[in-house]
Amino acid sequence: RVRTEEDGDDVTDELIDRFGDPPRGVNNLISIALLRAQAAKCGMVDISQKGASIQFTLEEFDLQAIATLGESYPRRLVFTPGKDKGLLTLKLQKGEDPLRASQQLVEKYAALLPKKE
């Protein structure tokens, strides 16, 4: 149920109060929950890692935003349109952190989307 930074901070504070400093894996789970919540706001319904690539399934997508996003990832980002959904595939660079790379891509994509009123 972690949807905002505040939610993540609340969970972390509660874990610290009960058990002490959480291990890195727990912090990563909170970060993943925040990533998925932000991605959902952008129309991304799934994020998965396949080897050295991360796939983002888009239920709704903005082609202009995807084209602009592709400029930030030359030869690393591929968009595959489907019948009902689109798929963005990001090829990770050697040594690149998958979670951080995913966070950056979702943040950039969100910033490119037209603002909803």
PDB file of N, CA and C in Angstrom:
ATOM      1  N   ARG A   1       0.806  -1.207   0.000  1.00  0.00           N
ATOM      2  CA  ARG A   1       0.000   0.000   0.000  1.00  0.00           C
ATOM      3  C   ARG A   1       0.846   1.266   0.000  1.00  0.00           C
ATOM      4  N   VAL A   2       2.104   1.135  -0.308  1.00  0.00           N
ATOM      5  CA  VAL A   2       2.979   2.295  -0.395  1.00  0.00           C
ATOM      6  C   VAL A   2       2.753   2.962  -1.748  1.00  0.00           C
ATOM      7  N   ARG A   3       2.204   4.169  -1.727  1.00  0.00           N
ATOM      8  CA  ARG A   3       1.887   4.878  -2.973  1.00  0.00           C
ATOM      9  C   ARG A   3       2.625   6.205  -3.105  1.00  0.00           C
ATOM     10  N   THR A   4       3.082   6.770  -1.981  1.00  0.00           N
ATOM     11  CA  THR A   4       3.761   8.062  -2.012  1.00  0.00           C
ATOM     12  C   THR A   4       5.033   7.986  -1.171  1.00  0.00           C
ATOM     13  N   GLU A   5       5.891   8.964  -1.334  1.00  0.00           N
ATOM     14  CA  GLU A   5       7.112   9.038  -0.520  1.00  0.00           C
ATOM     15  C   GLU A   5       6.757   9.054   0.960  1.00  0.00           C
ATOM     16  N   GLU A   6       5.677   9.770   1.286  1.00  0.00           N
ATOM     17  CA  GLU A   6       5.239   9.839   2.683  1.00  0.00           C
ATOM     18  C   GLU A   6       4.860   8.446   3.205  1.00  0.00           C
ATOM     19  N   ASP A   7       4.148   7.668   2.376  1.00  0.00           N
ATOM     20  CA  ASP A   7       3.807   6.292   2.762  1.00  0.00           C
ATOM     21  C   ASP A   7       5.077   5.473   3.010  1.00  0.00           C
ATOM     22  N   GLY A   8       6.051   5.617   2.115  1.00  0.00           N
ATOM     23  CA  GLY A   8       7.302   4.893   2.260  1.00  0.00           C
ATOM     24  C   GLY A   8       8.041   5.283   3.530  1.00  0.00           C
ATOM     25  N   ASP A   9       8.039   6.586   3.824  1.00  0.00           N
ATOM     26  CA  ASP A   9       8.683   7.056   5.055  1.00  0.00           C
ATOM     27  C   ASP A   9       7.978   6.509   6.292  1.00  0.00           C
ATOM     28  N   ASP A  10       6.644   6.470   6.241  1.00  0.00           N
ATOM     29  CA  ASP A  10       5.872   5.948   7.378  1.00  0.00           C
ATOM     30  C   ASP A  10       6.192   4.476   7.635  1.00  0.00           C
ATOM     31  N   VAL A  11       6.250   3.686   6.573  1.00  0.00           N
ATOM     32  CA  VAL A  11       6.562   2.257   6.710  1.00  0.00           C
ATOM     33  C   VAL A  11       7.977   2.083   7.256  1.00  0.00           C
ATOM     34  N   THR A  12       8.907   2.851   6.705  1.00  0.00           N
ATOM     35  CA  THR A  12      10.293   2.761   7.167  1.00  0.00           C
ATOM     36  C   THR A  12      10.403   3.137   8.645  1.00  0.00           C
ATOM     37  N   ASP A  13       9.742   4.230   9.038  1.00  0.00           N
ATOM     38  CA  ASP A  13       9.771   4.652  10.441  1.00  0.00           C
ATOM     39  C   ASP A  13       9.193   3.579  11.364  1.00  0.00           C
ATOM     40  N   GLU A  14       8.097   2.968  10.945  1.00  0.00           N
ATOM     41  CA  GLU A  14       7.480   1.928  11.760  1.00  0.00           C
ATOM     42  C   GLU A  14       8.389   0.702  11.875  1.00  0.00           C
ATOM     43  N   LEU A  15       9.030   0.330  10.776  1.00  0.00           N
ATOM     44  CA  LEU A  15       9.963  -0.798  10.817  1.00  0.00           C
ATOM     45  C   LEU A  15      11.141  -0.510  11.745  1.00  0.00           C
ATOM     46  N   ILE A  16      11.655   0.704  11.681  1.00  0.00           N
ATOM     47  CA  ILE A  16      12.777   1.076  12.546  1.00  0.00           C
ATOM     48  C   ILE A  16      12.354   1.033  14.010  1.00  0.00           C
ATOM     49  N   ASP A  17      11.151   1.549  14.294  1.00  0.00           N
ATOM     50  CA  ASP A  17      10.648   1.539  15.674  1.00  0.00           C
ATOM     51  C   ASP A  17      10.532   0.119  16.220  1.00  0.00           C
ATOM     52  N   ARG A  18      10.085  -0.805  15.392  1.00  0.00           N
ATOM     53  CA  ARG A  18       9.847  -2.176  15.859  1.00  0.00           C
ATOM     54  C   ARG A  18      11.074  -3.077  15.801  1.00  0.00           C
ATOM     55  N   PHE A  19      11.878  -2.908  14.730  1.00  0.00           N
ATOM     56  CA  PHE A  19      12.942  -3.889  14.490  1.00  0.00           C
ATOM     57  C   PHE A  19      14.340  -3.295  14.343  1.00  0.00           C
ATOM     58  N   GLY A  20      14.466  -1.998  14.362  1.00  0.00           N
ATOM     59  CA  GLY A  20      15.760  -1.376  14.095  1.00  0.00           C
ATOM     60  C   GLY A  20      15.902  -1.109  12.602  1.00  0.00           C
ATOM     61  N   ASP A  21      17.083  -0.723  12.196  1.00  0.00           N
ATOM     62  CA  ASP A  21      17.306  -0.392  10.790  1.00  0.00           C
ATOM     63  C   ASP A  21      16.990  -1.584   9.892  1.00  0.00           C
ATOM     64  N   PRO A  22      16.143  -1.372   8.876  1.00  0.00           N
ATOM     65  CA  PRO A  22      15.807  -2.481   7.977  1.00  0.00           C
ATOM     66  C   PRO A  22      16.975  -2.806   7.053  1.00  0.00           C
ATOM     67  N   PRO A  23      17.078  -4.058   6.645  1.00  0.00           N
ATOM     68  CA  PRO A  23      18.124  -4.433   5.689  1.00  0.00           C
ATOM     69  C   PRO A  23      17.856  -3.807   4.318  1.00  0.00           C
ATOM     70  N   ARG A  24      18.881  -3.791   3.493  1.00  0.00           N
ATOM     71  CA  ARG A  24      18.788  -3.175   2.167  1.00  0.00           C
ATOM     72  C   ARG A  24      17.628  -3.755   1.344  1.00  0.00           C
ATOM     73  N   GLY A  25      17.405  -5.051   1.461  1.00  0.00           N
ATOM     74  CA  GLY A  25      16.319  -5.692   0.708  1.00  0.00           C
ATOM     75  C   GLY A  25      14.961  -5.105   1.035  1.00  0.00           C
ATOM     76  N   VAL A  26      14.733  -4.775   2.286  1.00  0.00           N
ATOM     77  CA  VAL A  26      13.458  -4.172   2.692  1.00  0.00           C
ATOM     78  C   VAL A  26      13.338  -2.773   2.092  1.00  0.00           C
ATOM     79  N   ASN A  27      14.418  -2.016   2.144  1.00  0.00           N
ATOM     80  CA  ASN A  27      14.401  -0.674   1.541  1.00  0.00           C
ATOM     81  C   ASN A  27      14.146  -0.758   0.041  1.00  0.00           C
ATOM     82  N   ASN A  28      14.720  -1.778  -0.609  1.00  0.00           N
ATOM     83  CA  ASN A  28      14.489  -1.965  -2.043  1.00  0.00           C
ATOM     84  C   ASN A  28      13.017  -2.278  -2.328  1.00  0.00           C
ATOM     85  N   LEU A  29      12.389  -3.091  -1.476  1.00  0.00           N
ATOM     86  CA  LEU A  29      10.963  -3.395  -1.664  1.00  0.00           C
ATOM     87  C   LEU A  29      10.110  -2.134  -1.577  1.00  0.00           C
ATOM     88  N   ILE A  30      10.432  -1.267  -0.659  1.00  0.00           N
ATOM     89  CA  ILE A  30       9.700   0.004  -0.533  1.00  0.00           C
ATOM     90  C   ILE A  30       9.935   0.851  -1.785  1.00  0.00           C
ATOM     91  N   SER A  31      11.169   0.890  -2.259  1.00  0.00           N
ATOM     92  CA  SER A  31      11.477   1.648  -3.481  1.00  0.00           C
ATOM     93  C   SER A  31      10.739   1.077  -4.689  1.00  0.00           C
ATOM     94  N   ILE A  32      10.633  -0.240  -4.756  1.00  0.00           N
ATOM     95  CA  ILE A  32       9.917  -0.879  -5.866  1.00  0.00           C
ATOM     96  C   ILE A  32       8.428  -0.540  -5.797  1.00  0.00           C
ATOM     97  N   ALA A  33       7.856  -0.538  -4.606  1.00  0.00           N
ATOM     98  CA  ALA A  33       6.444  -0.177  -4.458  1.00  0.00           C
ATOM     99  C   ALA A  33       6.213   1.259  -4.914  1.00  0.00           C
ATOM    100  N   LEU A  34       7.113   2.165  -4.554  1.00  0.00           N
ATOM    101  CA  LEU A  34       6.995   3.563  -4.993  1.00  0.00           C
ATOM    102  C   LEU A  34       7.129   3.671  -6.512  1.00  0.00           C
ATOM    103  N   LEU A  35       8.062   2.915  -7.084  1.00  0.00           N
ATOM    104  CA  LEU A  35       8.254   2.905  -8.532  1.00  0.00           C
ATOM    105  C   LEU A  35       6.988   2.429  -9.239  1.00  0.00           C
ATOM    106  N   ARG A  36       6.418   1.350  -8.765  1.00  0.00           N
ATOM    107  CA  ARG A  36       5.205   0.812  -9.397  1.00  0.00           C
ATOM    108  C   ARG A  36       4.027   1.784  -9.291  1.00  0.00           C
ATOM    109  N   ALA A  37       3.923   2.484  -8.171  1.00  0.00           N
ATOM    110  CA  ALA A  37       2.847   3.468  -8.002  1.00  0.00           C
ATOM    111  C   ALA A  37       3.020   4.622  -8.982  1.00  0.00           C
ATOM    112  N   GLN A  38       4.253   5.121  -9.124  1.00  0.00           N
ATOM    113  CA  GLN A  38       4.508   6.212 -10.057  1.00  0.00           C
ATOM    114  C   GLN A  38       4.290   5.738 -11.495  1.00  0.00           C
ATOM    115  N   ALA A  39       4.721   4.522 -11.795  1.00  0.00           N
ATOM    116  CA  ALA A  39       4.548   3.978 -13.142  1.00  0.00           C
ATOM    117  C   ALA A  39       3.064   3.830 -13.489  1.00  0.00           C
ATOM    118  N   ALA A  40       2.270   3.408 -12.528  1.00  0.00           N
ATOM    119  CA  ALA A  40       0.826   3.242 -12.764  1.00  0.00           C
ATOM    120  C   ALA A  40       0.175   4.570 -13.148  1.00  0.00           C
ATOM    121  N   LYS A  41       0.639   5.658 -12.573  1.00  0.00           N
ATOM    122  CA  LYS A  41       0.095   6.984 -12.910  1.00  0.00           C
ATOM    123  C   LYS A  41       0.388   7.349 -14.362  1.00  0.00           C
ATOM    124  N   CYS A  42       1.416   6.722 -14.938  1.00  0.00           N
ATOM    125  CA  CYS A  42       1.809   6.984 -16.323  1.00  0.00           C
ATOM    126  C   CYS A  42       1.205   5.984 -17.301  1.00  0.00           C
ATOM    127  N   GLY A  43       0.362   5.081 -16.818  1.00  0.00           N
ATOM    128  CA  GLY A  43      -0.236   4.080 -17.689  1.00  0.00           C
ATOM    129  C   GLY A  43       0.583   2.810 -17.807  1.00  0.00           C
ATOM    130  N   MET A  44       1.624   2.671 -16.998  1.00  0.00           N
ATOM    131  CA  MET A  44       2.444   1.455 -17.016  1.00  0.00           C
ATOM    132  C   MET A  44       1.826   0.444 -16.063  1.00  0.00           C
ATOM    133  N   VAL A  45       1.504  -0.732 -16.583  1.00  0.00           N
ATOM    134  CA  VAL A  45       0.818  -1.734 -15.759  1.00  0.00           C
ATOM    135  C   VAL A  45       1.728  -2.864 -15.290  1.00  0.00           C
ATOM    136  N   ASP A  46       2.944  -2.939 -15.836  1.00  0.00           N
ATOM    137  CA  ASP A  46       3.870  -3.977 -15.412  1.00  0.00           C
ATOM    138  C   ASP A  46       5.287  -3.535 -15.710  1.00  0.00           C
ATOM    139  N   ILE A  47       6.195  -3.903 -14.818  1.00  0.00           N
ATOM    140  CA  ILE A  47       7.629  -3.688 -15.015  1.00  0.00           C
ATOM    141  C   ILE A  47       8.301  -5.017 -14.675  1.00  0.00           C
ATOM    142  N   SER A  48       9.124  -5.503 -15.585  1.00  0.00           N
ATOM    143  CA  SER A  48       9.823  -6.760 -15.313  1.00  0.00           C
ATOM    144  C   SER A  48      11.216  -6.712 -15.927  1.00  0.00           C
ATOM    145  N   GLN A  49      12.120  -7.446 -15.310  1.00  0.00           N
ATOM    146  CA  GLN A  49      13.479  -7.527 -15.822  1.00  0.00           C
ATOM    147  C   GLN A  49      13.662  -8.870 -16.505  1.00  0.00           C
ATOM    148  N   LYS A  50      14.192  -8.820 -17.703  1.00  0.00           N
ATOM    149  CA  LYS A  50      14.507 -10.023 -18.477  1.00  0.00           C
ATOM    150  C   LYS A  50      15.985  -9.934 -18.844  1.00  0.00           C
ATOM    151  N   GLY A  51      16.825 -10.601 -18.078  1.00  0.00           N
ATOM    152  CA  GLY A  51      18.264 -10.539 -18.326  1.00  0.00           C
ATOM    153  C   GLY A  51      18.773  -9.120 -18.168  1.00  0.00           C
ATOM    154  N   ALA A  52      19.395  -8.591 -19.227  1.00  0.00           N
ATOM    155  CA  ALA A  52      19.973  -7.252 -19.192  1.00  0.00           C
ATOM    156  C   ALA A  52      19.012  -6.194 -19.722  1.00  0.00           C
ATOM    157  N   SER A  53      17.709  -6.513 -19.721  1.00  0.00           N
ATOM    158  CA  SER A  53      16.704  -5.565 -20.196  1.00  0.00           C
ATOM    159  C   SER A  53      15.573  -5.435 -19.180  1.00  0.00           C
ATOM    160  N   ILE A  54      14.980  -4.261 -19.167  1.00  0.00           N
ATOM    161  CA  ILE A  54      13.801  -4.025 -18.339  1.00  0.00           C
ATOM    162  C   ILE A  54      12.649  -3.710 -19.278  1.00  0.00           C
ATOM    163  N   GLN A  55      11.515  -4.383 -19.059  1.00  0.00           N
ATOM    164  CA  GLN A  55      10.343  -4.186 -19.901  1.00  0.00           C
ATOM    165  C   GLN A  55       9.256  -3.467 -19.105  1.00  0.00           C
ATOM    166  N   PHE A  56       8.696  -2.447 -19.740  1.00  0.00           N
ATOM    167  CA  PHE A  56       7.623  -1.648 -19.164  1.00  0.00           C
ATOM    168  C   PHE A  56       6.395  -1.830 -20.053  1.00  0.00           C
ATOM    169  N   THR A  57       5.344  -2.432 -19.520  1.00  0.00           N
ATOM    170  CA  THR A  57       4.115  -2.639 -20.280  1.00  0.00           C
ATOM    171  C   THR A  57       3.217  -1.436 -20.068  1.00  0.00           C
ATOM    172  N   LEU A  58       2.791  -0.831 -21.177  1.00  0.00           N
ATOM    173  CA  LEU A  58       1.969   0.370 -21.119  1.00  0.00           C
ATOM    174  C   LEU A  58       0.555   0.070 -21.598  1.00  0.00           C
ATOM    175  N   GLU A  59      -0.402   0.279 -20.712  1.00  0.00           N
ATOM    176  CA  GLU A  59      -1.796   0.108 -21.095  1.00  0.00           C
ATOM    177  C   GLU A  59      -2.258   1.312 -21.903  1.00  0.00           C
ATOM    178  N   GLU A  60      -1.791   2.468 -21.497  1.00  0.00           N
ATOM    179  CA  GLU A  60      -2.032   3.716 -22.221  1.00  0.00           C
ATOM    180  C   GLU A  60      -0.665   4.318 -22.501  1.00  0.00           C
ATOM    181  N   PHE A  61      -0.522   4.947 -23.665  1.00  0.00           N
ATOM    182  CA  PHE A  61       0.780   5.548 -23.939  1.00  0.00           C
ATOM    183  C   PHE A  61       0.622   6.752 -24.850  1.00  0.00           C
ATOM    184  N   ASP A  62       1.629   7.612 -24.812  1.00  0.00           N
ATOM    185  CA  ASP A  62       1.683   8.831 -25.604  1.00  0.00           C
ATOM    186  C   ASP A  62       2.868   8.684 -26.559  1.00  0.00           C
ATOM    187  N   LEU A  63       2.590   8.573 -27.851  1.00  0.00           N
ATOM    188  CA  LEU A  63       3.652   8.332 -28.824  1.00  0.00           C
ATOM    189  C   LEU A  63       4.664   9.463 -28.877  1.00  0.00           C
ATOM    190  N   GLN A  64       4.202  10.707 -28.731  1.00  0.00           N
ATOM    191  CA  GLN A  64       5.135  11.837 -28.740  1.00  0.00           C
ATOM    192  C   GLN A  64       6.086  11.750 -27.548  1.00  0.00           C
ATOM    193  N   ALA A  65       5.543  11.427 -26.378  1.00  0.00           N
ATOM    194  CA  ALA A  65       6.375  11.293 -25.180  1.00  0.00           C
ATOM    195  C   ALA A  65       7.370  10.147 -25.347  1.00  0.00           C
ATOM    196  N   ILE A  66       6.941   9.049 -25.937  1.00  0.00           N
ATOM    197  CA  ILE A  66       7.837   7.901 -26.149  1.00  0.00           C
ATOM    198  C   ILE A  66       8.945   8.266 -27.134  1.00  0.00           C
ATOM    199  N   ALA A  67       8.606   8.981 -28.197  1.00  0.00           N
ATOM    200  CA  ALA A  67       9.624   9.388 -29.167  1.00  0.00           C
ATOM    201  C   ALA A  67      10.659  10.307 -28.516  1.00  0.00           C
ATOM    202  N   THR A  68      10.197  11.250 -27.721  1.00  0.00           N
ATOM    203  CA  THR A  68      11.110  12.153 -27.023  1.00  0.00           C
ATOM    204  C   THR A  68      11.948  11.396 -26.002  1.00  0.00           C
ATOM    205  N   LEU A  69      11.329  10.472 -25.292  1.00  0.00           N
ATOM    206  CA  LEU A  69      12.038   9.654 -24.306  1.00  0.00           C
ATOM    207  C   LEU A  69      13.157   8.852 -24.980  1.00  0.00           C
ATOM    208  N   GLY A  70      12.885   8.361 -26.164  1.00  0.00           N
ATOM    209  CA  GLY A  70      13.879   7.583 -26.901  1.00  0.00           C
ATOM    210  C   GLY A  70      15.155   8.361 -27.175  1.00  0.00           C
ATOM    211  N   GLU A  71      15.044   9.685 -27.280  1.00  0.00           N
ATOM    212  CA  GLU A  71      16.230  10.519 -27.500  1.00  0.00           C
ATOM    213  C   GLU A  71      17.166  10.486 -26.296  1.00  0.00           C
ATOM    214  N   SER A  72      16.627  10.224 -25.113  1.00  0.00           N
ATOM    215  CA  SER A  72      17.444  10.138 -23.900  1.00  0.00           C
ATOM    216  C   SER A  72      18.167   8.799 -23.790  1.00  0.00           C
ATOM    217  N   TYR A  73      17.722   7.816 -24.589  1.00  0.00           N
ATOM    218  CA  TYR A  73      18.291   6.465 -24.524  1.00  0.00           C
ATOM    219  C   TYR A  73      18.628   5.973 -25.932  1.00  0.00           C
ATOM    220  N   PRO A  74      19.570   6.634 -26.605  1.00  0.00           N
ATOM    221  CA  PRO A  74      19.866   6.216 -27.980  1.00  0.00           C
ATOM    222  C   PRO A  74      20.345   4.760 -28.044  1.00  0.00           C
ATOM    223  N   ARG A  75      19.728   4.015 -28.948  1.00  0.00           N
ATOM    224  CA  ARG A  75      20.036   2.594 -29.192  1.00  0.00           C
ATOM    225  C   ARG A  75      19.842   1.712 -27.963  1.00  0.00           C
ATOM    226  N   ARG A  76      19.148   2.217 -26.946  1.00  0.00           N
ATOM    227  CA  ARG A  76      18.913   1.413 -25.736  1.00  0.00           C
ATOM    228  C   ARG A  76      17.433   1.199 -25.464  1.00  0.00           C
ATOM    229  N   LEU A  77      16.572   1.985 -26.072  1.00  0.00           N
ATOM    230  CA  LEU A  77      15.137   1.920 -25.772  1.00  0.00           C
ATOM    231  C   LEU A  77      14.369   1.570 -27.036  1.00  0.00           C
ATOM    232  N   VAL A  78      13.537   0.530 -26.925  1.00  0.00           N
ATOM    233  CA  VAL A  78      12.730   0.080 -28.065  1.00  0.00           C
ATOM    234  C   VAL A  78      11.265   0.099 -27.635  1.00  0.00           C
ATOM    235  N   PHE A  79      10.411   0.672 -28.493  1.00  0.00           N
ATOM    236  CA  PHE A  79       8.968   0.647 -28.255  1.00  0.00           C
ATOM    237  C   PHE A  79       8.346  -0.327 -29.235  1.00  0.00           C
ATOM    238  N   THR A  80       7.548  -1.260 -28.690  1.00  0.00           N
ATOM    239  CA  THR A  80       6.841  -2.235 -29.510  1.00  0.00           C
ATOM    240  C   THR A  80       5.345  -2.068 -29.270  1.00  0.00           C
ATOM    241  N   PRO A  81       4.630  -1.542 -30.274  1.00  0.00           N
ATOM    242  CA  PRO A  81       3.181  -1.404 -30.090  1.00  0.00           C
ATOM    243  C   PRO A  81       2.500  -2.750 -30.228  1.00  0.00           C
ATOM    244  N   GLY A  82       1.463  -2.951 -29.430  1.00  0.00           N
ATOM    245  CA  GLY A  82       0.685  -4.182 -29.504  1.00  0.00           C
ATOM    246  C   GLY A  82      -0.765  -3.863 -29.780  1.00  0.00           C
ATOM    247  N   LYS A  83      -1.573  -4.890 -29.853  1.00  0.00           N
ATOM    248  CA  LYS A  83      -2.994  -4.709 -30.128  1.00  0.00           C
ATOM    249  C   LYS A  83      -3.656  -3.867 -29.032  1.00  0.00           C
ATOM    250  N   ASP A  84      -3.428  -4.232 -27.780  1.00  0.00           N
ATOM    251  CA  ASP A  84      -4.052  -3.535 -26.662  1.00  0.00           C
ATOM    252  C   ASP A  84      -3.061  -2.749 -25.814  1.00  0.00           C
ATOM    253  N   LYS A  85      -1.783  -3.114 -25.871  1.00  0.00           N
ATOM    254  CA  LYS A  85      -0.775  -2.511 -24.999  1.00  0.00           C
ATOM    255  C   LYS A  85       0.491  -2.251 -25.778  1.00  0.00           C
ATOM    256  N   GLY A  86       1.329  -1.388 -25.209  1.00  0.00           N
ATOM    257  CA  GLY A  86       2.640  -1.144 -25.780  1.00  0.00           C
ATOM    258  C   GLY A  86       3.699  -1.686 -24.843  1.00  0.00           C
ATOM    259  N   LEU A  87       4.885  -1.891 -25.370  1.00  0.00           N
ATOM    260  CA  LEU A  87       5.976  -2.415 -24.561  1.00  0.00           C
ATOM    261  C   LEU A  87       7.221  -1.572 -24.817  1.00  0.00           C
ATOM    262  N   LEU A  88       7.753  -1.003 -23.740  1.00  0.00           N
ATOM    263  CA  LEU A  88       9.033  -0.301 -23.790  1.00  0.00           C
ATOM    264  C   LEU A  88      10.083  -1.249 -23.234  1.00  0.00           C
ATOM    265  N   THR A  89      11.160  -1.429 -23.956  1.00  0.00           N
ATOM    266  CA  THR A  89      12.246  -2.282 -23.489  1.00  0.00           C
ATOM    267  C   THR A  89      13.509  -1.443 -23.405  1.00  0.00           C
ATOM    268  N   LEU A  90      14.087  -1.378 -22.206  1.00  0.00           N
ATOM    269  CA  LEU A  90      15.317  -0.633 -21.971  1.00  0.00           C
ATOM    270  C   LEU A  90      16.465  -1.618 -21.783  1.00  0.00           C
ATOM    271  N   LYS A  91      17.480  -1.501 -22.620  1.00  0.00           N
ATOM    272  CA  LYS A  91      18.671  -2.340 -22.467  1.00  0.00           C
ATOM    273  C   LYS A  91      19.577  -1.677 -21.438  1.00  0.00           C
ATOM    274  N   LEU A  92      19.901  -2.429 -20.386  1.00  0.00           N
ATOM    275  CA  LEU A  92      20.767  -1.902 -19.333  1.00  0.00           C
ATOM    276  C   LEU A  92      22.217  -1.861 -19.799  1.00  0.00           C
ATOM    277  N   GLN A  93      22.921  -0.838 -19.334  1.00  0.00           N
ATOM    278  CA  GLN A  93      24.348  -0.769 -19.598  1.00  0.00           C
ATOM    279  C   GLN A  93      25.071  -1.627 -18.563  1.00  0.00           C
ATOM    280  N   LYS A  94      26.271  -2.039 -18.895  1.00  0.00           N
ATOM    281  CA  LYS A  94      27.038  -2.892 -17.990  1.00  0.00           C
ATOM    282  C   LYS A  94      27.212  -2.183 -16.643  1.00  0.00           C
ATOM    283  N   GLY A  95      26.833  -2.872 -15.563  1.00  0.00           N
ATOM    284  CA  GLY A  95      26.967  -2.333 -14.218  1.00  0.00           C
ATOM    285  C   GLY A  95      25.866  -1.378 -13.790  1.00  0.00           C
ATOM    286  N   GLU A  96      24.899  -1.130 -14.660  1.00  0.00           N
ATOM    287  CA  GLU A  96      23.814  -0.192 -14.339  1.00  0.00           C
ATOM    288  C   GLU A  96      22.827  -0.834 -13.361  1.00  0.00           C
ATOM    289  N   ASP A  97      22.419  -0.089 -12.345  1.00  0.00           N
ATOM    290  CA  ASP A  97      21.471  -0.568 -11.356  1.00  0.00           C
ATOM    291  C   ASP A  97      20.061  -0.596 -11.968  1.00  0.00           C
ATOM    292  N   PRO A  98      19.421  -1.763 -12.047  1.00  0.00           N
ATOM    293  CA  PRO A  98      18.099  -1.862 -12.683  1.00  0.00           C
ATOM    294  C   PRO A  98      17.029  -1.000 -12.003  1.00  0.00           C
ATOM    295  N   LEU A  99      17.035  -0.952 -10.679  1.00  0.00           N
ATOM    296  CA  LEU A  99      16.028  -0.157  -9.973  1.00  0.00           C
ATOM    297  C   LEU A  99      16.206   1.323 -10.275  1.00  0.00           C
ATOM    298  N   ARG A 100      17.429   1.809 -10.198  1.00  0.00           N
ATOM    299  CA  ARG A 100      17.688   3.228 -10.464  1.00  0.00           C
ATOM    300  C   ARG A 100      17.378   3.567 -11.915  1.00  0.00           C
ATOM    301  N   ALA A 101      17.743   2.693 -12.848  1.00  0.00           N
ATOM    302  CA  ALA A 101      17.461   2.923 -14.267  1.00  0.00           C
ATOM    303  C   ALA A 101      15.951   2.992 -14.500  1.00  0.00           C
ATOM    304  N   SER A 102      15.205   2.111 -13.843  1.00  0.00           N
ATOM    305  CA  SER A 102      13.738   2.110 -13.973  1.00  0.00           C
ATOM    306  C   SER A 102      13.140   3.389 -13.409  1.00  0.00           C
ATOM    307  N   GLN A 103      13.623   3.806 -12.247  1.00  0.00           N
ATOM    308  CA  GLN A 103      13.128   5.040 -11.640  1.00  0.00           C
ATOM    309  C   GLN A 103      13.368   6.234 -12.566  1.00  0.00           C
ATOM    310  N   GLN A 104      14.553   6.308 -13.143  1.00  0.00           N
ATOM    311  CA  GLN A 104      14.877   7.417 -14.029  1.00  0.00           C
ATOM    312  C   GLN A 104      13.988   7.417 -15.263  1.00  0.00           C
ATOM    313  N   LEU A 105      13.782   6.243 -15.862  1.00  0.00           N
ATOM    314  CA  LEU A 105      12.946   6.176 -17.055  1.00  0.00           C
ATOM    315  C   LEU A 105      11.512   6.585 -16.740  1.00  0.00           C
ATOM    316  N   VAL A 106      10.961   6.087 -15.657  1.00  0.00           N
ATOM    317  CA  VAL A 106       9.576   6.428 -15.291  1.00  0.00           C
ATOM    318  C   VAL A 106       9.461   7.918 -15.002  1.00  0.00           C
ATOM    319  N   GLU A 107      10.420   8.501 -14.303  1.00  0.00           N
ATOM    320  CA  GLU A 107      10.389   9.937 -14.008  1.00  0.00           C
ATOM    321  C   GLU A 107      10.438  10.755 -15.292  1.00  0.00           C
ATOM    322  N   LYS A 108      11.319  10.381 -16.223  1.00  0.00           N
ATOM    323  CA  LYS A 108      11.436  11.107 -17.493  1.00  0.00           C
ATOM    324  C   LYS A 108      10.147  10.985 -18.302  1.00  0.00           C
ATOM    325  N   TYR A 109       9.585   9.785 -18.360  1.00  0.00           N
ATOM    326  CA  TYR A 109       8.344   9.579 -19.111  1.00  0.00           C
ATOM    327  C   TYR A 109       7.209  10.392 -18.489  1.00  0.00           C
ATOM    328  N   ALA A 110       7.094  10.372 -17.181  1.00  0.00           N
ATOM    329  CA  ALA A 110       6.040  11.129 -16.496  1.00  0.00           C
ATOM    330  C   ALA A 110       6.145  12.617 -16.797  1.00  0.00           C
ATOM    331  N   ALA A 111       7.373  13.130 -16.830  1.00  0.00           N
ATOM    332  CA  ALA A 111       7.582  14.551 -17.095  1.00  0.00           C
ATOM    333  C   ALA A 111       7.200  14.935 -18.519  1.00  0.00           C
ATOM    334  N   LEU A 112       7.231  13.968 -19.437  1.00  0.00           N
ATOM    335  CA  LEU A 112       6.909  14.239 -20.844  1.00  0.00           C
ATOM    336  C   LEU A 112       5.419  14.153 -21.166  1.00  0.00           C
ATOM    337  N   LEU A 113       4.647  13.531 -20.286  1.00  0.00           N
ATOM    338  CA  LEU A 113       3.215  13.363 -20.540  1.00  0.00           C
ATOM    339  C   LEU A 113       2.472  14.681 -20.383  1.00  0.00           C
ATOM    340  N   PRO A 114       1.447  14.880 -21.208  1.00  0.00           N
ATOM    341  CA  PRO A 114       0.626  16.073 -21.036  1.00  0.00           C
ATOM    342  C   PRO A 114      -0.020  16.069 -19.650  1.00  0.00           C
ATOM    343  N   LYS A 115      -0.097  17.229 -19.043  1.00  0.00           N
ATOM    344  CA  LYS A 115      -0.716  17.330 -17.709  1.00  0.00           C
ATOM    345  C   LYS A 115      -2.210  17.117 -17.820  1.00  0.00           C
ATOM    346  N   LYS A 116      -2.757  16.270 -16.913  1.00  0.00           N
ATOM    347  CA  LYS A 116      -4.194  16.010 -16.880  1.00  0.00           C
ATOM    348  C   LYS A 116      -4.867  17.073 -16.031  1.00  0.00           C
ATOM    349  N   GLU A 117      -5.999  17.528 -16.506  1.00  0.00           N
ATOM    350  CA  GLU A 117      -6.723  18.553 -15.746  1.00  0.00           C
ATOM    351  C   GLU A 117      -7.888  17.957 -15.005  1.00  0.00           C
TER     352      GLU A 117
END
